[in-house]
Amino acid sequence: MQTATLKISDFGIRIGGAKKDRMDNSKTVSKEKKESLPFWVPRSMCICTVDDVKEYSLEERRKKGNGIICLAEDRRCGKMAIAWGYNSKDELLDDLPSLLVPYLVSIYKSKNGLVLGKKIKTTGKLIELVSGFNTQDEAIAYRSEHALELLEYKVQFPELPHLKTICRTGKDYRNGENITTEKLCATFGFPGIEFGNWLTQKERQMVLNLAYEAFFDLADVTGLPPMAMSLNGNLAAAFGSRGAGNELAHFEPERFVFNLCRIKGAGSLAHEWFHALEHYILHLFQGQKMKRQADGKVVFVQSDMDSKIYDNLIHAYDKLKGLIQYKKTIIPAGTKEKLEVWEKNRDLMSKRLSYHEDVILNELKKNKPYRKKFGKPAPDEYIQKVKELMNEIRNGNLGESCIHPNRAKYNDIPYKSNEKAELIGKILKKTRNSDYFGENKMMSEYLLTINKRSLYEKKMEDEKRKMEAGILEEKKIKTDYFNNAGIMDSFRSSMYWSMTNELLARAFGAFVQDKIEQKGNVSNYLVHSHCNDLNSKFKAYPEAEERIAFNGLFEDLFCEARKVI
């Protein structure tokens, strides 16, 4: 007689906030779907009839035939026809690529000559698609021939591929046993397990078995005891119950639960677990412990434990966080590139100096008849004297230096003045009864330009000295890993790839994968595909020497974690 299999359902505490907790059982009225157009068509554009558009937009040059179907853009003043006269929607859809490619794919100059580029909707950033055109006509011809290909181009960020089958090799922890929710919680300490309503019983059993093996593999990699996988009974587990959109997995700090979206989330477990660990460590450092409320949300309260016992762990974490973003390197202290920058700035200040000189001389030469005492132009000998002083200043002969706090452009920042400039100020005083020193006044602006030029000349001399002497210096620069993340974020409307917590979680996934592969094993539900695609220009994971260095830092982190967690 065969015993009936127990139904797999939620177990342990009520986590709360899942999709099924928010579902409204009342019937909802289905909304009429908008007509779908290719993703590359701007949202403001639509297909309609000529009756729906402004009549004055129906120009002959936009007419494609004798039909009533048109492509329009919805503006504040109403719908404006972009092209019209089509007999059917299908006819218009066939013509859309050639119609819109001049609007959406631009021709512009770059280092690579004439190139074709397309704006990314989210950021407005122009991304180069095809380069190497010699003439405008050549670029236009290519754009017309490959219109659909150019329009359909999408920025493809690295993502975990969906696995048809999930593989695992290594120690057999289950011995062929189907794991229950009770056993998963008892082994690793999870306070609760939650399933989505859409997960079948077969799928629930599958994820329980996979998670059981994966967490044993994770415990083996980190050297932590199995109970530490729940971060000492605090971390809850969810499978397919809390996801949104196309996300594979996520961690919710407010309820301290990780969620894997059905089988699609395979390979994200290590990533999300580290998010939880990082959150947990930071609260330990602050001397706090976790307390879960009746509604499933967690709060952190002051702990009786002395937080100083976690100092070494926090130090290892801070070291990891710092070195994953920046590294120290030995580079030449003086470079040709720096010298060119200072030289460019010096030349710019020289141009500004000429401008200020003209302003001062014009002020001296002006005839101001409305002024009784100080309206006459300065005598020729005054003008000549000012010109001589200006030439001396240009040649670097500034005379004695001095500081006048009352002559600051900003009240709290005194200008460094000099003897020659002060003499020019005295001549202005005799002529106009003002030395024109003060905020936004011409002598202060002139003096600021002099000082900036002197500064850049000094930097040029210093740079030449360093180059000649071959002086080396230690400099803090971005890691390649951090740089690559920044490149990916430049194509997004908001930062994601270069966020510190995401950098750490991806690097941890790479560490776990490397440790498992070193033993000749695979644990796809825990982690997979944490290596960069050689054919992609985007690199999401650490590689080469940096990857080895980061792995060592994770080893140090878990060496300290094993002492206190």
Protein backbone atom coordinates (compact mmCIF):
# COMPACT_ATOMS: atom_id res chain seq x y z
CA MET A 1 0.00 0.00 0.00
CA GLN A 2 1.45 3.36 -1.06
CA THR A 3 1.30 6.20 1.45
CA ALA A 4 0.05 9.56 0.27
CA THR A 5 2.67 12.27 -0.13
CA LEU A 6 2.24 15.18 2.28
CA LYS A 7 1.32 18.48 0.70
CA ILE A 8 4.20 20.96 0.72
CA SER A 9 3.12 24.36 2.03
CA ASP A 10 4.52 27.36 3.92
CA PHE A 11 6.30 26.51 7.13
CA GLY A 12 7.37 28.40 10.24
CA ILE A 13 6.77 32.07 10.91
CA ARG A 14 4.56 34.25 8.78
CA ILE A 15 6.94 36.43 6.77
CA GLY A 16 4.22 38.67 5.32
CA GLY A 17 4.26 41.04 2.38
CA ALA A 18 4.18 38.31 -0.29
CA LYS A 19 2.17 38.57 -3.47
CA LYS A 20 -0.47 36.20 -2.15
CA ASP A 21 -0.86 38.36 0.97
CA ARG A 22 -1.58 41.37 -1.19
CA MET A 23 -3.94 39.70 -3.65
CA ASP A 24 -7.47 41.08 -3.95
CA ASN A 25 -9.99 38.30 -4.42
CA SER A 26 -12.52 40.61 -6.05
CA LYS A 27 -12.85 40.45 -9.82
CA THR A 28 -10.94 43.08 -11.69
CA VAL A 29 -12.05 44.61 -14.91
CA SER A 30 -9.53 43.86 -17.63
CA LYS A 31 -8.16 46.93 -19.30
CA GLU A 32 -8.03 47.19 -23.03
CA LYS A 33 -4.49 46.68 -24.22
CA LYS A 34 -2.85 49.38 -26.24
CA GLU A 35 -1.84 48.58 -29.75
CA SER A 36 1.67 47.17 -29.57
CA LEU A 37 4.36 48.71 -31.77
CA PRO A 38 8.01 47.65 -32.02
CA PHE A 39 9.99 48.61 -28.89
CA TRP A 40 12.14 51.05 -30.83
CA VAL A 41 9.16 53.23 -31.81
CA PRO A 42 8.97 56.27 -29.47
CA ARG A 43 6.10 56.09 -27.00
CA SER A 44 4.72 59.39 -28.26
CA MET A 45 4.03 57.85 -31.70
CA CYS A 46 0.92 55.93 -32.67
CA ILE A 47 -1.00 54.61 -35.68
CA CYS A 48 -4.30 56.33 -36.37
CA THR A 49 -6.46 57.69 -39.21
CA VAL A 50 -6.22 61.08 -40.87
CA ASP A 51 -9.39 62.13 -39.02
CA ASP A 52 -7.47 61.99 -35.71
CA VAL A 53 -4.61 64.30 -36.69
CA LYS A 54 -4.32 68.03 -37.16
CA GLU A 55 -5.27 68.91 -40.69
CA TYR A 56 -2.35 71.31 -41.21
CA SER A 57 0.11 68.44 -40.56
CA LEU A 58 -1.14 66.55 -43.65
CA GLU A 59 1.53 67.94 -45.96
CA GLU A 60 2.07 66.52 -49.45
CA ARG A 61 5.70 65.71 -48.73
CA ARG A 62 4.54 63.33 -45.99
CA LYS A 63 1.94 61.63 -48.18
CA LYS A 64 2.81 58.04 -49.12
CA GLY A 65 -0.40 57.04 -50.92
CA ASN A 66 -4.15 57.60 -51.05
CA GLY A 67 -5.17 55.71 -47.89
CA ILE A 68 -6.37 57.07 -44.54
CA ILE A 69 -3.87 55.34 -42.20
CA CYS A 70 -1.10 57.50 -40.80
CA LEU A 71 1.76 57.52 -38.33
CA ALA A 72 1.37 60.37 -35.88
CA GLU A 73 3.15 61.92 -32.93
CA ASP A 74 1.09 62.94 -29.93
CA ARG A 75 2.04 66.50 -28.98
CA ARG A 76 0.49 69.11 -26.70
CA CYS A 77 -1.27 70.74 -29.59
CA GLY A 78 -2.69 67.38 -30.73
CA LYS A 79 -1.64 64.52 -32.99
CA MET A 80 0.69 65.54 -35.81
CA ALA A 81 1.11 63.36 -38.90
CA ILE A 82 4.63 62.11 -39.56
CA ALA A 83 3.62 60.06 -42.59
CA TRP A 84 0.17 59.35 -44.01
CA GLY A 85 -1.75 57.93 -46.95
CA TYR A 86 -1.27 54.21 -46.15
CA ASN A 87 -4.02 51.78 -47.10
CA SER A 88 -3.58 49.51 -44.08
CA LYS A 89 -1.75 49.17 -40.77
CA ASP A 90 0.33 46.29 -42.11
CA GLU A 91 1.51 48.46 -44.98
CA LEU A 92 2.56 51.15 -42.52
CA LEU A 93 4.29 48.65 -40.21
CA ASP A 94 6.32 47.32 -43.14
CA ASP A 95 7.45 50.86 -43.89
CA LEU A 96 8.23 51.83 -40.29
CA PRO A 97 11.99 50.97 -40.30
CA SER A 98 12.81 53.07 -43.36
CA LEU A 99 10.46 55.79 -42.11
CA LEU A 100 11.92 56.19 -38.62
CA VAL A 101 15.58 55.28 -39.03
CA PRO A 102 16.55 58.90 -40.02
CA TYR A 103 14.86 60.12 -36.81
CA LEU A 104 16.35 57.53 -34.44
CA VAL A 105 19.80 56.75 -35.87
CA SER A 106 22.12 59.75 -36.14
CA ILE A 107 25.23 60.38 -38.22
CA TYR A 108 27.98 62.20 -36.34
CA LYS A 109 31.75 62.67 -36.23
CA SER A 110 33.98 60.83 -33.78
CA LYS A 111 37.57 59.65 -33.45
CA ASN A 112 36.65 56.82 -35.80
CA GLY A 113 35.44 59.17 -38.54
CA LEU A 114 31.75 59.30 -39.44
CA VAL A 115 29.67 56.90 -37.32
CA LEU A 116 26.06 55.85 -36.90
CA GLY A 117 24.72 56.19 -33.37
CA LYS A 118 21.49 55.60 -31.51
CA LYS A 119 20.20 57.29 -28.37
CA ILE A 120 19.37 55.10 -25.40
CA LYS A 121 15.84 55.88 -24.24
CA THR A 122 16.56 55.80 -20.50
CA THR A 123 19.66 58.02 -20.48
CA GLY A 124 19.68 59.91 -23.77
CA LYS A 125 23.26 58.67 -24.22
CA LEU A 126 24.36 58.26 -27.83
CA ILE A 127 25.90 54.85 -28.37
CA GLU A 128 28.08 54.12 -31.37
CA LEU A 129 26.67 51.39 -33.61
CA VAL A 130 28.72 51.38 -36.83
CA SER A 131 31.87 53.38 -37.61
CA GLY A 132 34.40 53.90 -40.39
CA PHE A 133 32.33 55.81 -42.97
CA ASN A 134 34.29 58.14 -45.23
CA THR A 135 31.38 60.24 -46.49
CA GLN A 136 27.89 61.28 -45.41
CA ASP A 137 26.34 59.53 -48.43
CA GLU A 138 28.06 56.27 -47.52
CA ALA A 139 26.64 56.43 -43.98
CA ILE A 140 23.15 57.26 -45.24
CA ALA A 141 23.23 54.35 -47.70
CA TYR A 142 24.27 51.91 -44.97
CA ARG A 143 21.59 53.26 -42.64
CA SER A 144 18.89 52.70 -45.26
CA GLU A 145 20.04 49.16 -46.11
CA HIS A 146 20.30 48.07 -42.46
CA ALA A 147 17.44 50.11 -40.99
CA LEU A 148 15.73 47.36 -38.99
CA GLU A 149 19.03 45.93 -37.71
CA LEU A 150 20.10 49.36 -36.41
CA LEU A 151 16.74 50.13 -34.83
CA GLU A 152 16.51 46.79 -33.03
CA TYR A 153 19.90 47.19 -31.38
CA LYS A 154 19.67 46.91 -27.60
CA VAL A 155 22.33 47.37 -24.95
CA GLN A 156 22.76 43.82 -23.67
CA PHE A 157 23.95 43.81 -20.08
CA PRO A 158 25.37 40.57 -18.67
CA GLU A 159 22.73 38.38 -17.07
CA LEU A 160 22.54 34.87 -15.69
CA PRO A 161 21.34 32.52 -18.42
CA HIS A 162 18.29 30.38 -17.68
CA LEU A 163 19.36 26.80 -17.25
CA LYS A 164 17.34 24.01 -18.85
CA THR A 165 18.73 21.56 -16.34
CA ILE A 166 20.31 22.27 -12.97
CA CYS A 167 23.46 20.30 -12.30
CA ARG A 168 25.25 19.53 -9.07
CA THR A 169 28.23 17.34 -8.29
CA GLY A 170 29.90 16.79 -4.95
CA LYS A 171 29.12 15.22 -1.61
CA ASP A 172 25.69 13.59 -1.44
CA TYR A 173 23.95 15.28 1.48
CA ARG A 174 20.44 13.95 0.79
CA ASN A 175 21.16 10.28 0.09
CA GLY A 176 18.22 10.30 -2.32
CA GLU A 177 15.83 11.69 0.32
CA ASN A 178 13.20 14.31 -0.54
CA ILE A 179 13.77 17.21 1.85
CA THR A 180 10.83 18.55 3.84
CA THR A 181 10.32 22.15 4.91
CA GLU A 182 10.80 21.02 8.52
CA LYS A 183 14.18 19.45 7.76
CA LEU A 184 15.41 22.46 5.76
CA CYS A 185 14.54 24.75 8.68
CA ALA A 186 15.93 22.39 11.31
CA THR A 187 19.23 21.94 9.44
CA PHE A 188 19.95 25.57 8.61
CA GLY A 189 17.82 27.45 11.13
CA PHE A 190 15.48 29.30 8.77
CA PRO A 191 12.60 30.74 10.83
CA GLY A 192 10.16 30.34 7.94
CA ILE A 193 9.80 29.12 4.36
CA GLU A 194 7.30 30.56 1.92
CA PHE A 195 6.13 29.38 -1.52
CA GLY A 196 4.32 31.21 -4.29
CA ASN A 197 0.84 30.02 -5.21
CA TRP A 198 2.09 29.34 -8.73
CA LEU A 199 4.65 26.75 -7.66
CA THR A 200 3.39 23.20 -8.21
CA GLN A 201 4.01 20.50 -5.61
CA LYS A 202 6.62 18.97 -7.90
CA GLU A 203 8.44 22.29 -8.24
CA ARG A 204 8.28 22.92 -4.47
CA GLN A 205 9.92 19.59 -3.81
CA MET A 206 12.57 20.34 -6.40
CA VAL A 207 13.56 23.71 -4.89
CA LEU A 208 13.64 22.23 -1.38
CA ASN A 209 16.09 19.55 -2.52
CA LEU A 210 18.18 22.03 -4.48
CA ALA A 211 18.29 24.59 -1.66
CA TYR A 212 19.27 21.90 0.88
CA GLU A 213 22.29 20.85 -1.18
CA ALA A 214 23.19 24.42 -2.14
CA PHE A 215 23.32 25.64 1.45
CA PHE A 216 25.53 22.72 2.44
CA ASP A 217 27.83 23.69 -0.45
CA LEU A 218 27.79 27.31 0.74
CA ALA A 219 28.61 26.26 4.29
CA ASP A 220 31.53 24.22 2.95
CA VAL A 221 32.87 27.16 0.93
CA THR A 222 32.62 29.69 3.78
CA GLY A 223 33.66 27.29 6.54
CA LEU A 224 30.63 28.37 8.58
CA PRO A 225 28.39 25.84 10.34
CA PRO A 226 25.09 24.94 8.61
CA MET A 227 23.06 26.89 11.20
CA ALA A 228 24.95 30.05 10.23
CA MET A 229 23.35 29.89 6.76
CA SER A 230 20.24 31.43 8.31
CA LEU A 231 22.50 33.94 10.06
CA ASN A 232 21.72 32.37 13.39
CA GLY A 233 18.00 31.85 12.82
CA ASN A 234 17.22 35.29 11.39
CA LEU A 235 17.12 34.84 7.59
CA ALA A 236 13.85 33.54 6.10
CA ALA A 237 13.51 31.79 2.71
CA ALA A 238 11.00 32.33 -0.07
CA PHE A 239 10.60 30.57 -3.40
CA GLY A 240 8.60 32.22 -6.17
CA SER A 241 6.40 34.19 -3.76
CA ARG A 242 7.84 37.70 -3.77
CA GLY A 243 9.33 38.42 -7.17
CA ALA A 244 8.34 41.25 -9.49
CA GLY A 245 8.78 41.68 -13.23
CA ASN A 246 11.70 39.81 -14.73
CA GLU A 247 13.90 39.75 -11.62
CA LEU A 248 15.50 36.42 -10.85
CA ALA A 249 16.00 36.92 -7.15
CA HIS A 250 16.19 39.57 -4.45
CA PHE A 251 16.79 40.19 -0.76
CA GLU A 252 14.35 42.22 1.40
CA PRO A 253 16.08 43.86 4.39
CA GLU A 254 12.80 45.04 5.96
CA ARG A 255 11.60 41.41 6.34
CA PHE A 256 15.04 39.80 6.19
CA VAL A 257 14.08 37.25 3.58
CA PHE A 258 15.62 36.16 0.28
CA ASN A 259 13.45 35.16 -2.67
CA LEU A 260 14.38 33.01 -5.66
CA CYS A 261 11.93 33.28 -8.54
CA ARG A 262 11.07 29.65 -9.18
CA ILE A 263 13.72 27.76 -11.18
CA LYS A 264 14.72 30.97 -13.03
CA GLY A 265 16.49 32.12 -9.89
CA ALA A 266 19.00 29.27 -10.06
CA GLY A 267 22.52 30.69 -9.70
CA SER A 268 21.48 33.74 -7.65
CA LEU A 269 21.44 32.13 -4.19
CA ALA A 270 25.05 33.01 -3.28
CA HIS A 271 24.51 36.60 -4.47
CA GLU A 272 21.37 37.19 -2.38
CA TRP A 273 22.78 35.41 0.67
CA PHE A 274 25.73 37.79 0.72
CA HIS A 275 23.35 40.77 0.64
CA ALA A 276 21.80 39.34 3.82
CA LEU A 277 25.21 38.68 5.40
CA GLU A 278 26.39 42.22 4.70
CA HIS A 279 23.24 43.66 6.24
CA TYR A 280 23.64 41.39 9.26
CA ILE A 281 27.32 42.27 9.81
CA LEU A 282 26.67 46.01 9.79
CA HIS A 283 24.04 45.69 12.52
CA LEU A 284 26.36 43.49 14.62
CA PHE A 285 28.96 46.24 14.42
CA GLN A 286 26.40 48.76 15.69
CA GLY A 287 25.70 46.55 18.69
CA GLN A 288 22.22 45.58 17.49
CA LYS A 289 20.28 42.34 17.29
CA MET A 290 17.32 41.46 15.12
CA LYS A 291 13.77 41.15 16.39
CA ARG A 292 10.95 40.02 14.12
CA GLN A 293 7.53 41.58 14.70
CA ALA A 294 4.13 39.90 14.43
CA ASP A 295 3.60 41.27 10.89
CA GLY A 296 6.88 39.70 9.73
CA LYS A 297 8.89 42.92 9.55
CA VAL A 298 12.18 43.08 11.41
CA VAL A 299 13.51 45.76 13.71
CA PHE A 300 16.96 46.06 15.22
CA VAL A 301 17.25 46.67 18.96
CA GLN A 302 20.25 47.19 21.20
CA SER A 303 22.05 43.96 22.04
CA ASP A 304 23.62 42.98 25.37
CA MET A 305 26.60 41.57 23.46
CA ASP A 306 29.78 43.66 23.41
CA SER A 307 30.09 44.85 19.81
CA LYS A 308 33.90 45.03 20.14
CA ILE A 309 34.12 41.27 19.56
CA TYR A 310 33.14 41.99 15.95
CA ASP A 311 35.93 44.56 15.38
CA ASN A 312 38.17 42.17 13.42
CA LEU A 313 35.22 41.04 11.30
CA ILE A 314 34.26 44.62 10.50
CA HIS A 315 37.88 45.47 9.74
CA ALA A 316 38.04 42.56 7.25
CA TYR A 317 34.74 43.70 5.72
CA ASP A 318 35.89 47.32 5.38
CA LYS A 319 39.15 46.18 3.81
CA LEU A 320 37.23 44.06 1.30
CA LYS A 321 34.83 46.90 0.51
CA GLY A 322 37.65 49.38 -0.03
CA LEU A 323 39.94 47.18 -2.12
CA ILE A 324 37.16 45.92 -4.34
CA GLN A 325 36.70 49.50 -5.58
CA TYR A 326 40.19 51.01 -5.41
CA LYS A 327 43.73 49.74 -5.62
CA LYS A 328 47.14 51.28 -5.08
CA THR A 329 49.61 51.38 -7.90
CA ILE A 330 53.06 52.82 -8.56
CA ILE A 331 53.08 55.26 -11.47
CA PRO A 332 55.40 58.03 -12.72
CA ALA A 333 54.79 61.18 -10.70
CA GLY A 334 55.23 63.37 -13.79
CA THR A 335 53.59 62.59 -17.09
CA LYS A 336 53.34 64.23 -20.49
CA GLU A 337 49.53 64.16 -20.23
CA LYS A 338 49.55 66.16 -16.98
CA LEU A 339 52.04 68.63 -18.44
CA GLU A 340 49.76 69.19 -21.43
CA VAL A 341 46.82 69.87 -19.09
CA TRP A 342 48.74 72.49 -17.07
CA GLU A 343 50.04 74.05 -20.29
CA LYS A 344 46.51 74.26 -21.69
CA ASN A 345 45.27 75.92 -18.50
CA ARG A 346 48.20 78.36 -18.53
CA ASP A 347 47.43 79.38 -22.11
CA LEU A 348 43.77 79.89 -21.22
CA MET A 349 44.74 82.21 -18.35
CA SER A 350 47.03 84.12 -20.71
CA LYS A 351 44.06 84.78 -23.01
CA ARG A 352 41.96 85.92 -20.05
CA LEU A 353 44.80 88.17 -18.99
CA SER A 354 44.67 89.95 -22.36
CA TYR A 355 40.94 90.47 -21.93
CA HIS A 356 41.32 92.00 -18.44
CA GLU A 357 44.16 94.22 -19.64
CA ASP A 358 41.90 95.65 -22.35
CA VAL A 359 39.10 96.23 -19.83
CA ILE A 360 41.43 98.20 -17.50
CA LEU A 361 42.96 100.28 -20.31
CA ASN A 362 39.52 101.10 -21.75
CA GLU A 363 38.38 102.26 -18.31
CA LEU A 364 41.37 104.62 -18.14
CA LYS A 365 40.79 105.99 -21.66
CA LYS A 366 37.06 106.64 -21.27
CA ASN A 367 35.69 110.16 -21.23
CA LYS A 368 32.91 110.48 -18.62
CA PRO A 369 31.58 114.02 -18.85
CA TYR A 370 28.81 113.31 -16.29
CA ARG A 371 31.49 113.10 -13.63
CA LYS A 372 32.73 116.52 -12.55
CA LYS A 373 36.03 115.60 -10.90
CA PHE A 374 36.93 112.10 -12.16
CA GLY A 375 35.40 112.05 -15.65
CA LYS A 376 38.42 112.90 -17.78
CA PRO A 377 40.56 110.22 -19.46
CA ALA A 378 43.85 109.37 -17.79
CA PRO A 379 46.90 111.29 -19.07
CA ASP A 380 49.09 109.56 -21.64
CA GLU A 381 51.88 109.07 -19.12
CA TYR A 382 49.45 107.15 -16.85
CA ILE A 383 48.36 104.91 -19.74
CA GLN A 384 51.95 104.26 -20.73
CA LYS A 385 52.90 103.45 -17.13
CA VAL A 386 50.01 100.95 -16.84
CA LYS A 387 51.06 99.24 -20.10
CA GLU A 388 54.62 98.90 -18.78
CA LEU A 389 53.37 97.40 -15.52
CA MET A 390 51.16 94.96 -17.43
CA ASN A 391 54.11 93.82 -19.59
CA GLU A 392 56.21 93.24 -16.47
CA ILE A 393 53.39 91.19 -14.93
CA ARG A 394 53.09 89.13 -18.11
CA ASN A 395 56.83 88.42 -17.98
CA GLY A 396 56.52 87.16 -14.40
CA ASN A 397 57.97 90.24 -12.70
CA LEU A 398 55.24 90.81 -10.10
CA GLY A 399 57.32 92.62 -7.50
CA GLU A 400 56.73 92.17 -3.78
CA SER A 401 53.80 89.99 -2.81
CA CYS A 402 51.14 91.16 -0.35
CA ILE A 403 47.74 90.17 1.00
CA HIS A 404 44.73 92.45 1.35
CA PRO A 405 41.78 90.70 3.05
CA ASN A 406 39.50 93.65 2.24
CA ARG A 407 40.07 93.09 -1.45
CA ALA A 408 38.70 89.57 -1.61
CA LYS A 409 36.30 88.37 -4.26
CA TYR A 410 34.61 86.48 -1.47
CA ASN A 411 34.74 87.93 2.01
CA ASP A 412 36.36 84.89 3.62
CA ILE A 413 39.03 84.25 0.92
CA PRO A 414 41.69 86.98 0.71
CA TYR A 415 43.48 87.47 -2.58
CA LYS A 416 47.20 87.24 -2.84
CA SER A 417 48.22 90.55 -4.39
CA ASN A 418 51.51 91.97 -5.67
CA GLU A 419 53.39 95.25 -5.97
CA LYS A 420 52.78 95.81 -9.73
CA ALA A 421 49.03 95.21 -9.51
CA GLU A 422 48.81 97.59 -6.57
CA LEU A 423 50.49 100.33 -8.63
CA ILE A 424 47.90 99.86 -11.39
CA GLY A 425 45.20 100.16 -8.70
CA LYS A 426 46.72 103.47 -7.50
CA ILE A 427 46.66 104.90 -11.04
CA LEU A 428 42.99 103.91 -11.36
CA LYS A 429 42.35 105.59 -7.99
CA LYS A 430 43.88 108.85 -9.20
CA THR A 431 41.85 108.74 -12.42
CA ARG A 432 38.47 107.36 -11.27
CA ASN A 433 38.63 107.62 -7.44
CA SER A 434 38.43 103.81 -7.18
CA ASP A 435 41.09 101.13 -7.36
CA TYR A 436 38.41 98.62 -8.55
CA PHE A 437 39.40 96.00 -6.01
CA GLY A 438 36.46 94.12 -4.52
CA GLU A 439 33.91 91.46 -5.28
CA ASN A 440 33.37 91.07 -9.04
CA LYS A 441 35.43 94.20 -9.73
CA MET A 442 37.86 94.32 -12.61
CA MET A 443 41.14 94.58 -10.65
CA SER A 444 40.20 91.63 -8.45
CA GLU A 445 39.30 89.61 -11.55
CA TYR A 446 42.60 90.66 -13.15
CA LEU A 447 44.52 89.69 -10.02
CA LEU A 448 42.77 86.30 -9.81
CA THR A 449 43.77 85.55 -13.40
CA ILE A 450 47.39 86.53 -12.66
CA ASN A 451 47.50 84.20 -9.66
CA LYS A 452 45.95 81.31 -11.57
CA ARG A 453 48.41 81.70 -14.42
CA SER A 454 51.30 81.75 -11.95
CA LEU A 455 49.94 78.60 -10.31
CA TYR A 456 49.73 76.72 -13.61
CA GLU A 457 53.24 77.83 -14.59
CA LYS A 458 54.52 76.52 -11.26
CA LYS A 459 52.72 73.20 -11.83
CA MET A 460 54.27 72.97 -15.31
CA GLU A 461 57.74 73.45 -13.86
CA ASP A 462 57.05 70.89 -11.14
CA GLU A 463 55.77 68.37 -13.69
CA LYS A 464 58.87 68.82 -15.87
CA ARG A 465 61.09 68.31 -12.82
CA LYS A 466 59.33 65.05 -11.91
CA MET A 467 59.60 63.78 -15.48
CA GLU A 468 63.31 64.57 -15.72
CA ALA A 469 64.05 63.02 -12.33
CA GLY A 470 61.93 59.91 -13.07
CA ILE A 471 60.11 60.22 -9.73
CA LEU A 472 57.53 57.52 -8.95
CA GLU A 473 54.49 57.83 -6.68
CA GLU A 474 51.86 55.58 -5.13
CA LYS A 475 48.37 56.43 -6.33
CA LYS A 476 44.92 55.15 -5.49
CA ILE A 477 43.01 54.25 -8.67
CA LYS A 478 39.78 52.44 -9.51
CA THR A 479 39.97 48.68 -9.94
CA ASP A 480 39.22 47.30 -13.39
CA TYR A 481 36.18 45.64 -11.84
CA PHE A 482 34.85 48.96 -10.54
CA ASN A 483 35.68 50.72 -13.81
CA ASN A 484 33.79 48.13 -15.86
CA ALA A 485 30.77 48.49 -13.59
CA GLY A 486 30.82 52.26 -14.10
CA ILE A 487 30.86 51.78 -17.89
CA MET A 488 27.70 49.65 -17.66
CA ASP A 489 26.01 52.20 -15.41
CA SER A 490 26.73 54.97 -17.92
CA PHE A 491 24.09 53.35 -20.14
CA ARG A 492 21.49 53.32 -17.35
CA SER A 493 19.29 56.04 -15.95
CA SER A 494 20.26 55.05 -12.40
CA MET A 495 23.27 53.42 -10.75
CA TYR A 496 23.19 49.66 -10.20
CA TRP A 497 26.29 47.80 -11.35
CA SER A 498 28.74 50.05 -9.50
CA MET A 499 26.82 50.15 -6.20
CA THR A 500 29.08 48.84 -3.44
CA ASN A 501 26.68 46.15 -2.25
CA GLU A 502 26.19 44.86 -5.80
CA LEU A 503 29.94 44.86 -6.47
CA LEU A 504 30.47 42.80 -3.32
CA ALA A 505 27.64 40.34 -4.04
CA ARG A 506 28.82 39.64 -7.61
CA ALA A 507 32.43 39.22 -6.44
CA PHE A 508 31.22 36.85 -3.71
CA GLY A 509 29.37 34.77 -6.31
CA ALA A 510 32.59 34.56 -8.32
CA PHE A 511 34.49 33.51 -5.17
CA VAL A 512 31.96 30.75 -4.39
CA GLN A 513 32.04 29.48 -7.98
CA ASP A 514 35.85 29.40 -8.00
CA LYS A 515 36.01 27.51 -4.68
CA ILE A 516 33.53 24.88 -5.88
CA GLU A 517 35.26 24.47 -9.24
CA GLN A 518 38.65 24.07 -7.52
CA LYS A 519 37.29 20.81 -6.10
CA GLY A 520 36.07 19.77 -9.55
CA ASN A 521 32.42 20.24 -8.56
CA VAL A 522 29.36 22.15 -9.79
CA SER A 523 26.50 23.66 -7.78
CA ASN A 524 24.32 25.47 -10.30
CA TYR A 525 21.46 26.32 -7.94
CA LEU A 526 23.93 28.10 -5.67
CA VAL A 527 25.95 29.88 -8.38
CA HIS A 528 26.79 29.60 -12.07
CA SER A 529 28.06 31.66 -15.04
CA HIS A 530 30.01 34.15 -12.91
CA CYS A 531 32.63 34.68 -15.61
CA ASN A 532 32.76 37.40 -18.24
CA ASP A 533 31.72 36.76 -21.81
CA LEU A 534 34.75 37.33 -24.02
CA ASN A 535 32.49 38.52 -26.87
CA SER A 536 30.79 41.18 -24.76
CA LYS A 537 32.14 44.67 -24.19
CA PHE A 538 30.51 44.67 -20.74
CA LYS A 539 32.24 42.88 -17.87
CA ALA A 540 30.18 42.27 -14.75
CA TYR A 541 32.58 40.04 -12.80
CA PRO A 542 36.15 40.36 -11.55
CA GLU A 543 38.83 38.64 -13.56
CA ALA A 544 42.54 37.80 -13.70
CA GLU A 545 44.73 39.05 -10.81
CA GLU A 546 41.93 41.13 -9.30
CA ARG A 547 39.69 38.08 -9.02
CA ILE A 548 42.43 36.15 -7.21
CA ALA A 549 43.02 39.11 -4.86
CA PHE A 550 39.31 39.47 -4.08
CA ASN A 551 39.03 35.74 -3.38
CA GLY A 552 41.81 36.12 -0.83
CA LEU A 553 39.94 38.97 0.84
CA PHE A 554 36.80 36.83 1.10
CA GLU A 555 38.90 34.10 2.70
CA ASP A 556 40.06 36.63 5.30
CA LEU A 557 36.49 37.79 5.88
CA PHE A 558 35.17 34.30 6.59
CA CYS A 559 38.19 33.46 8.71
CA GLU A 560 37.01 36.24 11.05
CA ALA A 561 33.34 35.36 10.58
CA ARG A 562 33.92 31.80 11.77
CA LYS A 563 35.10 33.17 15.13
CA VAL A 564 31.95 35.18 15.93
CA ILE A 565 29.02 33.91 13.79
